[in-house]
Amino acid sequence: METVDYDKALYYTHRSQWDNLLILMVRTKDDMLSKRIEQFLHAYNFENNYGEVEKKLYSLLRYIDHAVETGHEFEDAEYAYLT
């Protein structure tokens, strides 16, 4: 599994590169990642309550962590099947 999109999402979020995060949102093939990025960017730009922005950020980060963990499990399962 390619984790490049997840790595980019983490990097862009950490560096506050919102334009690049928006481009990643459009280009990624992972619909859930795209949706989480969209929700975070919308909250960041339009929400007055910082708690909501923080909640959307943590939701994005939890999804990235989950996707990377489950992706590695699938890779291990595929490798075990092939051997």
C-alpha atoms as a PDB file:
ATOM      1  CA  MET A   1       0.000   0.000   0.000  1.00  0.00           C
ATOM      2  CA  GLU A   2       1.233   3.456  -0.882  1.00  0.00           C
ATOM      3  CA  THR A   3       1.466   5.681   2.175  1.00  0.00           C
ATOM      4  CA  VAL A   4       2.713   8.719   0.282  1.00  0.00           C
ATOM      5  CA  ASP A   5      -0.626  10.577   0.570  1.00  0.00           C
ATOM      6  CA  TYR A   6      -0.702  10.041   4.325  1.00  0.00           C
ATOM      7  CA  ASP A   7       2.879  11.194   4.705  1.00  0.00           C
ATOM      8  CA  LYS A   8       2.114  14.290   2.654  1.00  0.00           C
ATOM      9  CA  ALA A   9      -1.006  15.023   4.696  1.00  0.00           C
ATOM     10  CA  LEU A  10       0.995  14.848   7.918  1.00  0.00           C
ATOM     11  CA  TYR A  11       3.775  17.007   6.506  1.00  0.00           C
ATOM     12  CA  TYR A  12       1.462  19.659   5.088  1.00  0.00           C
ATOM     13  CA  THR A  13      -0.553  19.788   8.300  1.00  0.00           C
ATOM     14  CA  HIS A  14       2.568  20.083  10.436  1.00  0.00           C
ATOM     15  CA  ARG A  15       3.999  22.850   8.240  1.00  0.00           C
ATOM     16  CA  SER A  16       0.621  24.649   7.865  1.00  0.00           C
ATOM     17  CA  GLN A  17       0.806  24.356   4.080  1.00  0.00           C
ATOM     18  CA  TRP A  18      -2.941  24.615   3.526  1.00  0.00           C
ATOM     19  CA  ASP A  19      -2.692  25.149  -0.244  1.00  0.00           C
ATOM     20  CA  ASN A  20      -0.761  21.906  -0.673  1.00  0.00           C
ATOM     21  CA  LEU A  21      -3.184  20.115   1.653  1.00  0.00           C
ATOM     22  CA  LEU A  22      -6.060  21.327  -0.514  1.00  0.00           C
ATOM     23  CA  ILE A  23      -4.336  20.028  -3.652  1.00  0.00           C
ATOM     24  CA  LEU A  24      -3.768  16.677  -1.921  1.00  0.00           C
ATOM     25  CA  MET A  25      -7.455  16.594  -0.975  1.00  0.00           C
ATOM     26  CA  VAL A  26      -8.400  16.835  -4.655  1.00  0.00           C
ATOM     27  CA  ARG A  27      -5.780  14.407  -5.985  1.00  0.00           C
ATOM     28  CA  THR A  28      -5.875  11.561  -3.462  1.00  0.00           C
ATOM     29  CA  LYS A  29      -7.717   8.376  -4.341  1.00  0.00           C
ATOM     30  CA  ASP A  30      -8.646   7.812  -0.680  1.00  0.00           C
ATOM     31  CA  ASP A  31     -12.135   9.291  -0.368  1.00  0.00           C
ATOM     32  CA  MET A  32     -12.100   9.215   3.429  1.00  0.00           C
ATOM     33  CA  LEU A  33      -8.794  11.081   3.582  1.00  0.00           C
ATOM     34  CA  SER A  34     -10.186  13.651   1.172  1.00  0.00           C
ATOM     35  CA  LYS A  35     -13.298  14.107   3.315  1.00  0.00           C
ATOM     36  CA  ARG A  36     -11.289  14.503   6.541  1.00  0.00           C
ATOM     37  CA  ILE A  37      -9.020  17.089   4.922  1.00  0.00           C
ATOM     38  CA  GLU A  38     -12.066  18.958   3.613  1.00  0.00           C
ATOM     39  CA  GLN A  39     -13.689  19.008   7.052  1.00  0.00           C
ATOM     40  CA  PHE A  40     -10.515  20.239   8.714  1.00  0.00           C
ATOM     41  CA  LEU A  41      -9.842  22.991   6.170  1.00  0.00           C
ATOM     42  CA  HIS A  42     -13.448  24.154   6.351  1.00  0.00           C
ATOM     43  CA  ALA A  43     -13.311  24.332  10.143  1.00  0.00           C
ATOM     44  CA  TYR A  44      -9.927  26.064  10.049  1.00  0.00           C
ATOM     45  CA  ASN A  45     -11.176  28.771   7.695  1.00  0.00           C
ATOM     46  CA  PHE A  46     -14.734  29.320   8.898  1.00  0.00           C
ATOM     47  CA  GLU A  47     -15.165  28.050  12.468  1.00  0.00           C
ATOM     48  CA  ASN A  48     -14.997  30.586  15.295  1.00  0.00           C
ATOM     49  CA  ASN A  49     -14.749  27.926  18.003  1.00  0.00           C
ATOM     50  CA  TYR A  50     -11.153  26.699  18.270  1.00  0.00           C
ATOM     51  CA  GLY A  51     -12.395  23.497  19.932  1.00  0.00           C
ATOM     52  CA  GLU A  52     -14.158  22.510  16.713  1.00  0.00           C
ATOM     53  CA  VAL A  53     -11.022  23.172  14.660  1.00  0.00           C
ATOM     54  CA  GLU A  54      -9.009  21.057  17.082  1.00  0.00           C
ATOM     55  CA  LYS A  55     -11.593  18.258  16.910  1.00  0.00           C
ATOM     56  CA  LYS A  56     -11.420  18.179  13.097  1.00  0.00           C
ATOM     57  CA  LEU A  57      -7.613  18.219  13.181  1.00  0.00           C
ATOM     58  CA  TYR A  58      -7.498  15.280  15.590  1.00  0.00           C
ATOM     59  CA  SER A  59     -10.046  13.436  13.472  1.00  0.00           C
ATOM     60  CA  LEU A  60      -7.782  13.854  10.433  1.00  0.00           C
ATOM     61  CA  LEU A  61      -4.706  12.734  12.357  1.00  0.00           C
ATOM     62  CA  ARG A  62      -6.495   9.701  13.853  1.00  0.00           C
ATOM     63  CA  TYR A  63      -7.666   8.647  10.398  1.00  0.00           C
ATOM     64  CA  ILE A  64      -4.138   8.916   8.972  1.00  0.00           C
ATOM     65  CA  ASP A  65      -2.809   6.810  11.848  1.00  0.00           C
ATOM     66  CA  HIS A  66      -5.548   4.223  11.358  1.00  0.00           C
ATOM     67  CA  ALA A  67      -5.062   4.047   7.586  1.00  0.00           C
ATOM     68  CA  VAL A  68      -1.317   3.546   7.887  1.00  0.00           C
ATOM     69  CA  GLU A  69      -1.709   0.854  10.561  1.00  0.00           C
ATOM     70  CA  THR A  70      -4.338  -1.125   8.665  1.00  0.00           C
ATOM     71  CA  GLY A  71      -2.408  -0.725   5.416  1.00  0.00           C
ATOM     72  CA  HIS A  72       0.632  -2.398   6.915  1.00  0.00           C
ATOM     73  CA  GLU A  73      -1.535  -5.257   8.194  1.00  0.00           C
ATOM     74  CA  PHE A  74      -2.877  -5.810   4.672  1.00  0.00           C
ATOM     75  CA  GLU A  75       0.642  -5.801   3.253  1.00  0.00           C
ATOM     76  CA  ASP A  76       1.696  -8.435   5.789  1.00  0.00           C
ATOM     77  CA  ALA A  77      -1.347 -10.556   4.959  1.00  0.00           C
ATOM     78  CA  GLU A  78      -0.634 -10.316   1.214  1.00  0.00           C
ATOM     79  CA  TYR A  79       2.992 -11.251   1.766  1.00  0.00           C
ATOM     80  CA  ALA A  80       2.037 -14.257   3.923  1.00  0.00           C
ATOM     81  CA  TYR A  81      -0.375 -15.406   1.217  1.00  0.00           C
ATOM     82  CA  LEU A  82       2.293 -15.241  -1.475  1.00  0.00           C
ATOM     83  CA  THR A  83       4.907 -17.229   0.441  1.00  0.00           C
END
